[in-house]
Amino acid sequence: MNPQVTLDINNSLKLIKDDGIILVDDVVLNKKFKFRQGNQDSYKTLINLQNLNITKNFFISKRLDAKKEKFIGIIFLNYWLTGLKLNHQYNKI
């Protein structure tokens, strides 16, 4: 993985307030999809943070067409840290 992606996301987590939101652009969910300026590094980092119960991640498509190759990650500190009452059924928008 690209260490700069991981460092940028971790630094963002340190800078936001408890009820803050981090947006991550060009998140690639499908490892088969490759484009000139991106890969799955941000997705892998976000999933690792969620698996460690540090964040709660949501992904919305950047495109209206059927390809849906790149997403925007909407990242919250884990709901039990912030007191947010997130509904798990809306994990992917």
C-alpha atoms as a PDB file:
ATOM      1  CA  MET A   1       0.000   0.000   0.000  1.00  0.00           C
ATOM      2  CA  ASN A   2       0.970   3.585  -0.573  1.00  0.00           C
ATOM      3  CA  PRO A   3       2.108   4.948   2.814  1.00  0.00           C
ATOM      4  CA  GLN A   4       1.104   8.499   1.874  1.00  0.00           C
ATOM      5  CA  VAL A   5      -2.571   7.499   1.564  1.00  0.00           C
ATOM      6  CA  THR A   6      -2.498   5.863   4.993  1.00  0.00           C
ATOM      7  CA  LEU A   7      -0.717   8.845   6.548  1.00  0.00           C
ATOM      8  CA  ASP A   8      -3.175  11.326   5.035  1.00  0.00           C
ATOM      9  CA  ILE A   9      -6.195   9.421   6.347  1.00  0.00           C
ATOM     10  CA  ASN A  10      -4.648   8.926   9.807  1.00  0.00           C
ATOM     11  CA  ASN A  11      -3.719  12.618  10.017  1.00  0.00           C
ATOM     12  CA  SER A  12      -7.292  13.528   9.062  1.00  0.00           C
ATOM     13  CA  LEU A  13      -8.578  11.368  11.923  1.00  0.00           C
ATOM     14  CA  LYS A  14      -6.351  13.269  14.345  1.00  0.00           C
ATOM     15  CA  LEU A  15      -7.529  16.655  13.079  1.00  0.00           C
ATOM     16  CA  ILE A  16     -11.315  16.227  13.031  1.00  0.00           C
ATOM     17  CA  LYS A  17     -13.591  16.947  15.966  1.00  0.00           C
ATOM     18  CA  ASP A  18     -15.530  14.100  17.559  1.00  0.00           C
ATOM     19  CA  ASP A  19     -18.549  14.823  15.374  1.00  0.00           C
ATOM     20  CA  GLY A  20     -16.483  15.558  12.251  1.00  0.00           C
ATOM     21  CA  ILE A  21     -16.673  13.928   8.843  1.00  0.00           C
ATOM     22  CA  ILE A  22     -13.832  12.974   6.514  1.00  0.00           C
ATOM     23  CA  LEU A  23     -14.432  12.749   2.760  1.00  0.00           C
ATOM     24  CA  VAL A  24     -12.088  10.602   0.681  1.00  0.00           C
ATOM     25  CA  ASP A  25     -12.211  11.034  -3.083  1.00  0.00           C
ATOM     26  CA  ASP A  26     -11.629   8.316  -5.718  1.00  0.00           C
ATOM     27  CA  VAL A  27     -12.080   5.281  -3.490  1.00  0.00           C
ATOM     28  CA  VAL A  28     -11.832   2.114  -5.621  1.00  0.00           C
ATOM     29  CA  LEU A  29     -13.831  -0.818  -4.217  1.00  0.00           C
ATOM     30  CA  ASN A  30     -13.204  -3.298  -7.038  1.00  0.00           C
ATOM     31  CA  LYS A  31      -9.615  -4.536  -7.197  1.00  0.00           C
ATOM     32  CA  LYS A  32     -10.081  -5.417 -10.885  1.00  0.00           C
ATOM     33  CA  PHE A  33     -10.650  -1.775 -11.752  1.00  0.00           C
ATOM     34  CA  LYS A  34      -7.464   0.173 -12.381  1.00  0.00           C
ATOM     35  CA  PHE A  35      -7.098   3.720 -13.549  1.00  0.00           C
ATOM     36  CA  ARG A  36      -4.141   5.924 -14.209  1.00  0.00           C
ATOM     37  CA  GLN A  37      -4.097   7.755 -10.904  1.00  0.00           C
ATOM     38  CA  GLY A  38      -5.532   5.373  -8.375  1.00  0.00           C
ATOM     39  CA  ASN A  39      -5.825   1.989  -6.763  1.00  0.00           C
ATOM     40  CA  GLN A  40      -7.384   0.392  -3.705  1.00  0.00           C
ATOM     41  CA  ASP A  41      -5.030   1.873  -1.113  1.00  0.00           C
ATOM     42  CA  SER A  42      -7.563   4.260   0.411  1.00  0.00           C
ATOM     43  CA  TYR A  43     -10.242   1.551   0.469  1.00  0.00           C
ATOM     44  CA  LYS A  44      -7.936  -0.923   2.211  1.00  0.00           C
ATOM     45  CA  THR A  45      -6.944   1.686   4.774  1.00  0.00           C
ATOM     46  CA  LEU A  46     -10.568   2.625   5.466  1.00  0.00           C
ATOM     47  CA  ILE A  47     -11.655  -1.004   5.806  1.00  0.00           C
ATOM     48  CA  ASN A  48      -8.794  -1.711   8.215  1.00  0.00           C
ATOM     49  CA  LEU A  49      -9.833   1.270  10.352  1.00  0.00           C
ATOM     50  CA  GLN A  50     -13.450   0.095  10.343  1.00  0.00           C
ATOM     51  CA  ASN A  51     -12.421  -3.457  11.259  1.00  0.00           C
ATOM     52  CA  LEU A  52     -10.540  -1.994  14.233  1.00  0.00           C
ATOM     53  CA  ASN A  53     -13.751  -0.141  15.266  1.00  0.00           C
ATOM     54  CA  ILE A  54     -12.104   3.246  14.791  1.00  0.00           C
ATOM     55  CA  THR A  55     -14.313   4.483  11.947  1.00  0.00           C
ATOM     56  CA  LYS A  56     -17.657   3.889  10.338  1.00  0.00           C
ATOM     57  CA  ASN A  57     -17.454   4.107   6.544  1.00  0.00           C
ATOM     58  CA  PHE A  58     -20.057   4.825   3.895  1.00  0.00           C
ATOM     59  CA  PHE A  59     -19.440   4.893   0.148  1.00  0.00           C
ATOM     60  CA  ILE A  60     -21.388   6.742  -2.515  1.00  0.00           C
ATOM     61  CA  SER A  61     -20.823   6.393  -6.234  1.00  0.00           C
ATOM     62  CA  LYS A  62     -19.260   9.294  -8.123  1.00  0.00           C
ATOM     63  CA  ARG A  63     -21.063   8.359 -11.335  1.00  0.00           C
ATOM     64  CA  LEU A  64     -24.665   8.008 -12.366  1.00  0.00           C
ATOM     65  CA  ASP A  65     -23.902   5.369 -14.979  1.00  0.00           C
ATOM     66  CA  ALA A  66     -23.772   1.646 -14.293  1.00  0.00           C
ATOM     67  CA  LYS A  67     -19.977   1.432 -14.036  1.00  0.00           C
ATOM     68  CA  LYS A  68     -19.728   2.708 -10.461  1.00  0.00           C
ATOM     69  CA  GLU A  69     -15.963   2.265 -10.374  1.00  0.00           C
ATOM     70  CA  LYS A  70     -14.979   5.173  -8.169  1.00  0.00           C
ATOM     71  CA  PHE A  71     -16.639   6.190  -4.940  1.00  0.00           C
ATOM     72  CA  ILE A  72     -16.486   8.952  -2.370  1.00  0.00           C
ATOM     73  CA  GLY A  73     -15.823   7.670   1.123  1.00  0.00           C
ATOM     74  CA  ILE A  74     -17.755   9.343   3.939  1.00  0.00           C
ATOM     75  CA  ILE A  75     -15.946   8.566   7.155  1.00  0.00           C
ATOM     76  CA  PHE A  76     -17.098   9.107  10.752  1.00  0.00           C
ATOM     77  CA  LEU A  77     -15.269   8.278  13.933  1.00  0.00           C
ATOM     78  CA  ASN A  78     -16.946   5.122  15.166  1.00  0.00           C
ATOM     79  CA  TYR A  79     -20.469   5.869  16.373  1.00  0.00           C
ATOM     80  CA  TRP A  80     -19.790   4.732  19.928  1.00  0.00           C
ATOM     81  CA  LEU A  81     -16.930   7.242  20.170  1.00  0.00           C
ATOM     82  CA  THR A  82     -19.006  10.167  18.923  1.00  0.00           C
ATOM     83  CA  GLY A  83     -22.400   9.297  20.344  1.00  0.00           C
ATOM     84  CA  LEU A  84     -23.961   9.238  16.864  1.00  0.00           C
ATOM     85  CA  LYS A  85     -26.812   6.788  16.435  1.00  0.00           C
ATOM     86  CA  LEU A  86     -26.041   5.424  12.970  1.00  0.00           C
ATOM     87  CA  ASN A  87     -28.390   2.916  11.410  1.00  0.00           C
ATOM     88  CA  HIS A  88     -26.362  -0.017  10.065  1.00  0.00           C
ATOM     89  CA  GLN A  89     -28.792  -0.731   7.238  1.00  0.00           C
ATOM     90  CA  TYR A  90     -27.470   2.372   5.432  1.00  0.00           C
ATOM     91  CA  ASN A  91     -23.849   1.159   5.287  1.00  0.00           C
ATOM     92  CA  LYS A  92     -23.720   1.629   1.506  1.00  0.00           C
ATOM     93  CA  ILE A  93     -25.645   4.459  -0.077  1.00  0.00           C
END
